[in-house]
Amino acid sequence: MFTGAAAAFEGPVNFAYGYAMSKAATHALALQMAQRTEIPEHSTVVTILPQIIDTPANREAMADADKEDWQPPEKIAELVMGWSEGSNRPDNGSFAKLSYTNGSIVHEFV
């Protein structure tokens, strides 16, 4: 499991160059790991692409932002736990763009 970023995956991030570069490197590493023959046969490498995760650090850094669509970490954890238990488990090498709608994390494989 890798944590990328939807913004960096979709295009240039003109406001945070270091962040964008680190997330681009994460995406590249995930692609490479998914192709490795040394990982166990039934392993799955998946990268989540959240928007903004609702964390104390993000709340402090963006105090005036509208937090309605921010993604609660516990909801992301529920999704990942379901995948680990076999519920709608993604294919190896998948990237899952996350959004938060009606109190639920929704994923779209891109």
N, C-alpha and C. Protein backbone atom coordinates (compact mmCIF):
# COMPACT_ATOMS: atom_id res chain seq x y z
N MET A 1 0.84 -1.17 0.00
CA MET A 1 0.00 0.00 0.00
C MET A 1 0.89 1.23 0.00
N PHE A 2 0.65 2.08 -0.96
CA PHE A 2 1.32 3.37 -1.03
C PHE A 2 0.26 4.46 -0.94
N THR A 3 0.65 5.59 -0.39
CA THR A 3 -0.23 6.76 -0.36
C THR A 3 0.36 7.80 -1.29
N GLY A 4 -0.29 7.94 -2.44
CA GLY A 4 0.08 8.98 -3.39
C GLY A 4 -0.77 10.20 -3.15
N ALA A 5 -1.05 10.92 -4.22
CA ALA A 5 -1.90 12.11 -4.12
C ALA A 5 -2.62 12.31 -5.43
N ALA A 6 -3.93 12.51 -5.35
CA ALA A 6 -4.72 12.73 -6.56
C ALA A 6 -4.22 13.93 -7.34
N ALA A 7 -3.90 15.02 -6.66
CA ALA A 7 -3.47 16.24 -7.35
C ALA A 7 -2.19 15.99 -8.14
N ALA A 8 -1.22 15.31 -7.55
CA ALA A 8 0.04 15.04 -8.24
C ALA A 8 -0.13 14.02 -9.36
N PHE A 9 -1.09 13.13 -9.23
CA PHE A 9 -1.34 12.11 -10.25
C PHE A 9 -1.99 12.73 -11.48
N GLU A 10 -2.85 13.72 -11.25
CA GLU A 10 -3.64 14.30 -12.34
C GLU A 10 -2.92 15.38 -13.12
N GLY A 11 -1.88 15.95 -12.57
CA GLY A 11 -1.20 17.00 -13.31
C GLY A 11 -0.31 17.84 -12.44
N PRO A 12 0.18 18.94 -12.97
CA PRO A 12 1.11 19.78 -12.22
C PRO A 12 0.50 20.31 -10.92
N VAL A 13 1.33 20.33 -9.90
CA VAL A 13 0.95 20.93 -8.62
C VAL A 13 1.82 22.17 -8.49
N ASN A 14 1.28 23.31 -8.91
CA ASN A 14 2.07 24.53 -9.01
C ASN A 14 2.25 25.27 -7.70
N PHE A 15 1.74 24.73 -6.61
CA PHE A 15 1.83 25.43 -5.33
C PHE A 15 2.70 24.71 -4.32
N ALA A 16 3.15 23.51 -4.62
CA ALA A 16 3.93 22.73 -3.65
C ALA A 16 4.87 21.79 -4.41
N TYR A 17 5.96 22.32 -4.90
CA TYR A 17 6.85 21.55 -5.76
C TYR A 17 7.47 20.34 -5.06
N GLY A 18 7.94 20.52 -3.85
CA GLY A 18 8.54 19.40 -3.12
C GLY A 18 7.54 18.28 -2.87
N TYR A 19 6.33 18.66 -2.49
CA TYR A 19 5.25 17.69 -2.27
C TYR A 19 4.96 16.93 -3.55
N ALA A 20 4.83 17.66 -4.66
CA ALA A 20 4.52 17.03 -5.94
C ALA A 20 5.62 16.07 -6.37
N MET A 21 6.86 16.46 -6.17
CA MET A 21 7.97 15.59 -6.55
C MET A 21 7.99 14.32 -5.70
N SER A 22 7.73 14.45 -4.41
CA SER A 22 7.75 13.26 -3.55
C SER A 22 6.60 12.31 -3.90
N LYS A 23 5.45 12.87 -4.23
CA LYS A 23 4.32 12.01 -4.60
C LYS A 23 4.52 11.38 -5.98
N ALA A 24 5.14 12.10 -6.91
CA ALA A 24 5.45 11.52 -8.23
C ALA A 24 6.42 10.35 -8.05
N ALA A 25 7.39 10.49 -7.14
CA ALA A 25 8.32 9.40 -6.85
C ALA A 25 7.58 8.21 -6.23
N THR A 26 6.62 8.49 -5.36
CA THR A 26 5.82 7.42 -4.76
C THR A 26 5.05 6.67 -5.83
N HIS A 27 4.46 7.39 -6.77
CA HIS A 27 3.70 6.76 -7.85
C HIS A 27 4.61 5.88 -8.70
N ALA A 28 5.81 6.37 -9.01
CA ALA A 28 6.76 5.59 -9.81
C ALA A 28 7.20 4.34 -9.06
N LEU A 29 7.48 4.48 -7.77
CA LEU A 29 7.88 3.32 -6.97
C LEU A 29 6.77 2.27 -6.94
N ALA A 30 5.53 2.71 -6.80
CA ALA A 30 4.40 1.77 -6.78
C ALA A 30 4.31 0.99 -8.09
N LEU A 31 4.49 1.68 -9.21
CA LEU A 31 4.46 1.00 -10.51
C LEU A 31 5.57 -0.04 -10.62
N GLN A 32 6.75 0.32 -10.15
CA GLN A 32 7.88 -0.61 -10.20
C GLN A 32 7.66 -1.81 -9.29
N MET A 33 7.17 -1.57 -8.09
CA MET A 33 6.94 -2.67 -7.14
C MET A 33 5.88 -3.65 -7.63
N ALA A 34 4.88 -3.14 -8.32
CA ALA A 34 3.82 -4.01 -8.82
C ALA A 34 4.35 -4.98 -9.88
N GLN A 35 5.45 -4.65 -10.52
CA GLN A 35 6.02 -5.49 -11.58
C GLN A 35 7.10 -6.45 -11.06
N ARG A 36 7.45 -6.35 -9.80
CA ARG A 36 8.52 -7.18 -9.24
C ARG A 36 8.10 -8.64 -9.20
N THR A 37 8.98 -9.51 -9.60
CA THR A 37 8.69 -10.94 -9.55
C THR A 37 9.02 -11.53 -8.18
N GLU A 38 9.74 -10.78 -7.35
CA GLU A 38 10.16 -11.30 -6.06
C GLU A 38 9.06 -11.21 -4.99
N ILE A 39 8.01 -10.45 -5.24
CA ILE A 39 6.96 -10.36 -4.24
C ILE A 39 6.10 -11.63 -4.31
N PRO A 40 5.48 -12.02 -3.21
CA PRO A 40 4.66 -13.23 -3.22
C PRO A 40 3.59 -13.18 -4.32
N GLU A 41 3.30 -14.32 -4.87
CA GLU A 41 2.40 -14.43 -6.03
C GLU A 41 1.04 -13.77 -5.82
N HIS A 42 0.48 -13.88 -4.64
CA HIS A 42 -0.86 -13.36 -4.41
C HIS A 42 -0.85 -11.97 -3.76
N SER A 43 0.29 -11.30 -3.82
CA SER A 43 0.38 -9.95 -3.28
C SER A 43 -0.27 -8.95 -4.23
N THR A 44 -0.71 -7.86 -3.65
CA THR A 44 -1.29 -6.78 -4.43
C THR A 44 -0.64 -5.47 -4.00
N VAL A 45 -0.09 -4.76 -4.98
CA VAL A 45 0.44 -3.43 -4.73
C VAL A 45 -0.64 -2.46 -5.20
N VAL A 46 -1.09 -1.62 -4.29
CA VAL A 46 -2.13 -0.64 -4.63
C VAL A 46 -1.71 0.71 -4.06
N THR A 47 -2.04 1.76 -4.79
CA THR A 47 -1.74 3.12 -4.36
C THR A 47 -3.04 3.89 -4.22
N ILE A 48 -3.27 4.44 -3.03
CA ILE A 48 -4.45 5.29 -2.86
C ILE A 48 -4.06 6.72 -3.22
N LEU A 49 -5.00 7.40 -3.82
CA LEU A 49 -4.80 8.79 -4.26
C LEU A 49 -5.85 9.67 -3.59
N PRO A 50 -5.62 10.01 -2.32
CA PRO A 50 -6.60 10.85 -1.63
C PRO A 50 -6.53 12.29 -2.10
N GLN A 51 -7.60 13.01 -1.80
CA GLN A 51 -7.60 14.46 -1.97
C GLN A 51 -6.96 15.03 -0.72
N ILE A 52 -7.72 15.58 0.20
CA ILE A 52 -7.16 16.10 1.45
C ILE A 52 -7.65 15.20 2.59
N ILE A 53 -6.69 14.63 3.32
CA ILE A 53 -7.02 13.80 4.46
C ILE A 53 -7.21 14.72 5.67
N ASP A 54 -8.26 14.44 6.42
CA ASP A 54 -8.60 15.26 7.58
C ASP A 54 -7.70 14.90 8.76
N THR A 55 -6.57 15.58 8.85
CA THR A 55 -5.62 15.36 9.93
C THR A 55 -5.42 16.66 10.71
N PRO A 56 -4.93 16.56 11.94
CA PRO A 56 -4.66 17.79 12.69
C PRO A 56 -3.68 18.72 11.97
N ALA A 57 -2.67 18.16 11.33
CA ALA A 57 -1.70 19.00 10.61
C ALA A 57 -2.36 19.75 9.46
N ASN A 58 -3.23 19.07 8.70
CA ASN A 58 -3.93 19.75 7.60
C ASN A 58 -4.91 20.79 8.13
N ARG A 59 -5.57 20.51 9.24
CA ARG A 59 -6.48 21.49 9.83
C ARG A 59 -5.73 22.73 10.27
N GLU A 60 -4.54 22.54 10.83
CA GLU A 60 -3.74 23.68 11.26
C GLU A 60 -3.22 24.48 10.06
N ALA A 61 -2.75 23.76 9.03
CA ALA A 61 -2.17 24.44 7.86
C ALA A 61 -3.23 25.14 7.01
N MET A 62 -4.45 24.63 7.04
CA MET A 62 -5.52 25.18 6.19
C MET A 62 -6.74 25.49 7.05
N ALA A 63 -6.52 26.28 8.07
CA ALA A 63 -7.56 26.55 9.08
C ALA A 63 -8.83 27.15 8.50
N ASP A 64 -8.72 27.94 7.44
CA ASP A 64 -9.90 28.60 6.87
C ASP A 64 -10.56 27.82 5.74
N ALA A 65 -10.05 26.65 5.43
CA ALA A 65 -10.58 25.87 4.31
C ALA A 65 -11.92 25.22 4.67
N ASP A 66 -12.71 24.93 3.63
CA ASP A 66 -13.96 24.18 3.80
C ASP A 66 -13.57 22.71 3.94
N LYS A 67 -13.87 22.13 5.07
CA LYS A 67 -13.44 20.77 5.39
C LYS A 67 -14.50 19.70 5.11
N GLU A 68 -15.59 20.10 4.49
CA GLU A 68 -16.70 19.18 4.27
C GLU A 68 -16.31 17.95 3.45
N ASP A 69 -15.43 18.12 2.47
CA ASP A 69 -15.04 17.01 1.59
C ASP A 69 -13.74 16.35 2.01
N TRP A 70 -13.17 16.78 3.12
CA TRP A 70 -11.92 16.18 3.58
C TRP A 70 -12.18 14.74 4.00
N GLN A 71 -11.21 13.90 3.77
CA GLN A 71 -11.40 12.46 3.96
C GLN A 71 -10.92 12.01 5.34
N PRO A 72 -11.84 11.51 6.16
CA PRO A 72 -11.44 11.03 7.50
C PRO A 72 -10.53 9.80 7.38
N PRO A 73 -9.41 9.81 8.09
CA PRO A 73 -8.49 8.68 8.01
C PRO A 73 -9.14 7.35 8.39
N GLU A 74 -10.06 7.39 9.35
CA GLU A 74 -10.70 6.13 9.76
C GLU A 74 -11.57 5.55 8.65
N LYS A 75 -12.14 6.40 7.80
CA LYS A 75 -12.94 5.91 6.67
C LYS A 75 -12.02 5.29 5.60
N ILE A 76 -10.86 5.91 5.39
CA ILE A 76 -9.88 5.33 4.46
C ILE A 76 -9.42 3.97 5.00
N ALA A 77 -9.19 3.90 6.31
CA ALA A 77 -8.76 2.64 6.93
C ALA A 77 -9.80 1.54 6.74
N GLU A 78 -11.08 1.89 6.84
CA GLU A 78 -12.15 0.91 6.63
C GLU A 78 -12.11 0.36 5.21
N LEU A 79 -11.89 1.23 4.24
CA LEU A 79 -11.80 0.80 2.85
C LEU A 79 -10.63 -0.15 2.66
N VAL A 80 -9.47 0.24 3.16
CA VAL A 80 -8.26 -0.58 3.02
C VAL A 80 -8.43 -1.92 3.75
N MET A 81 -9.05 -1.91 4.91
CA MET A 81 -9.29 -3.15 5.65
C MET A 81 -10.18 -4.09 4.83
N GLY A 82 -11.21 -3.53 4.21
CA GLY A 82 -12.06 -4.35 3.35
C GLY A 82 -11.28 -4.98 2.21
N TRP A 83 -10.41 -4.19 1.59
CA TRP A 83 -9.58 -4.75 0.51
C TRP A 83 -8.71 -5.89 1.05
N SER A 84 -8.12 -5.69 2.23
CA SER A 84 -7.22 -6.72 2.78
C SER A 84 -7.97 -8.01 3.09
N GLU A 85 -9.28 -7.88 3.33
CA GLU A 85 -10.10 -9.05 3.62
C GLU A 85 -10.74 -9.63 2.36
N GLY A 86 -10.43 -9.04 1.20
CA GLY A 86 -10.91 -9.58 -0.07
C GLY A 86 -12.11 -8.88 -0.66
N SER A 87 -12.66 -7.87 0.01
CA SER A 87 -13.84 -7.17 -0.49
C SER A 87 -13.44 -6.17 -1.58
N ASN A 88 -13.84 -6.45 -2.81
CA ASN A 88 -13.52 -5.59 -3.96
C ASN A 88 -12.03 -5.29 -4.05
N ARG A 89 -11.23 -6.29 -3.77
CA ARG A 89 -9.77 -6.12 -3.76
C ARG A 89 -9.29 -5.65 -5.12
N PRO A 90 -8.48 -4.59 -5.15
CA PRO A 90 -7.99 -4.07 -6.42
C PRO A 90 -6.99 -5.02 -7.08
N ASP A 91 -6.82 -4.88 -8.37
CA ASP A 91 -5.80 -5.63 -9.09
C ASP A 91 -4.42 -5.09 -8.72
N ASN A 92 -3.43 -5.94 -8.83
CA ASN A 92 -2.06 -5.52 -8.58
C ASN A 92 -1.70 -4.35 -9.50
N GLY A 93 -1.08 -3.32 -8.95
CA GLY A 93 -0.68 -2.15 -9.72
C GLY A 93 -1.74 -1.08 -9.84
N SER A 94 -2.86 -1.25 -9.13
CA SER A 94 -3.97 -0.29 -9.23
C SER A 94 -3.66 1.01 -8.49
N PHE A 95 -4.25 2.08 -9.01
CA PHE A 95 -4.26 3.38 -8.36
C PHE A 95 -5.73 3.71 -8.11
N ALA A 96 -6.05 4.03 -6.86
CA ALA A 96 -7.44 4.30 -6.48
C ALA A 96 -7.58 5.75 -6.04
N LYS A 97 -8.24 6.54 -6.88
CA LYS A 97 -8.53 7.94 -6.52
C LYS A 97 -9.68 7.93 -5.53
N LEU A 98 -9.49 8.60 -4.40
CA LEU A 98 -10.49 8.62 -3.33
C LEU A 98 -11.24 9.93 -3.30
N SER A 99 -12.52 9.84 -3.00
CA SER A 99 -13.33 11.03 -2.74
C SER A 99 -14.22 10.71 -1.55
N TYR A 100 -14.77 11.74 -0.95
CA TYR A 100 -15.61 11.58 0.24
C TYR A 100 -16.98 12.14 -0.07
N THR A 101 -17.97 11.25 -0.11
CA THR A 101 -19.32 11.64 -0.49
C THR A 101 -20.33 11.00 0.44
N ASN A 102 -21.25 11.79 0.97
CA ASN A 102 -22.33 11.29 1.83
C ASN A 102 -21.81 10.43 2.98
N GLY A 103 -20.69 10.83 3.57
CA GLY A 103 -20.15 10.12 4.72
C GLY A 103 -19.38 8.85 4.40
N SER A 104 -19.10 8.63 3.12
CA SER A 104 -18.38 7.42 2.72
C SER A 104 -17.22 7.75 1.80
N ILE A 105 -16.17 6.95 1.89
CA ILE A 105 -15.07 7.04 0.95
C ILE A 105 -15.47 6.28 -0.30
N VAL A 106 -15.35 6.93 -1.42
CA VAL A 106 -15.66 6.33 -2.71
C VAL A 106 -14.34 6.25 -3.49
N HIS A 107 -14.08 5.11 -4.11
CA HIS A 107 -12.84 4.98 -4.88
C HIS A 107 -13.15 4.76 -6.35
N GLU A 108 -12.25 5.29 -7.16
CA GLU A 108 -12.33 5.13 -8.61
C GLU A 108 -10.95 4.68 -9.06
N PHE A 109 -10.88 3.54 -9.73
CA PHE A 109 -9.58 3.07 -10.21
C PHE A 109 -9.21 3.82 -11.48
N VAL A 110 -8.02 4.37 -11.46
CA VAL A 110 -7.54 5.18 -12.59
C VAL A 110 -6.25 4.61 -13.14
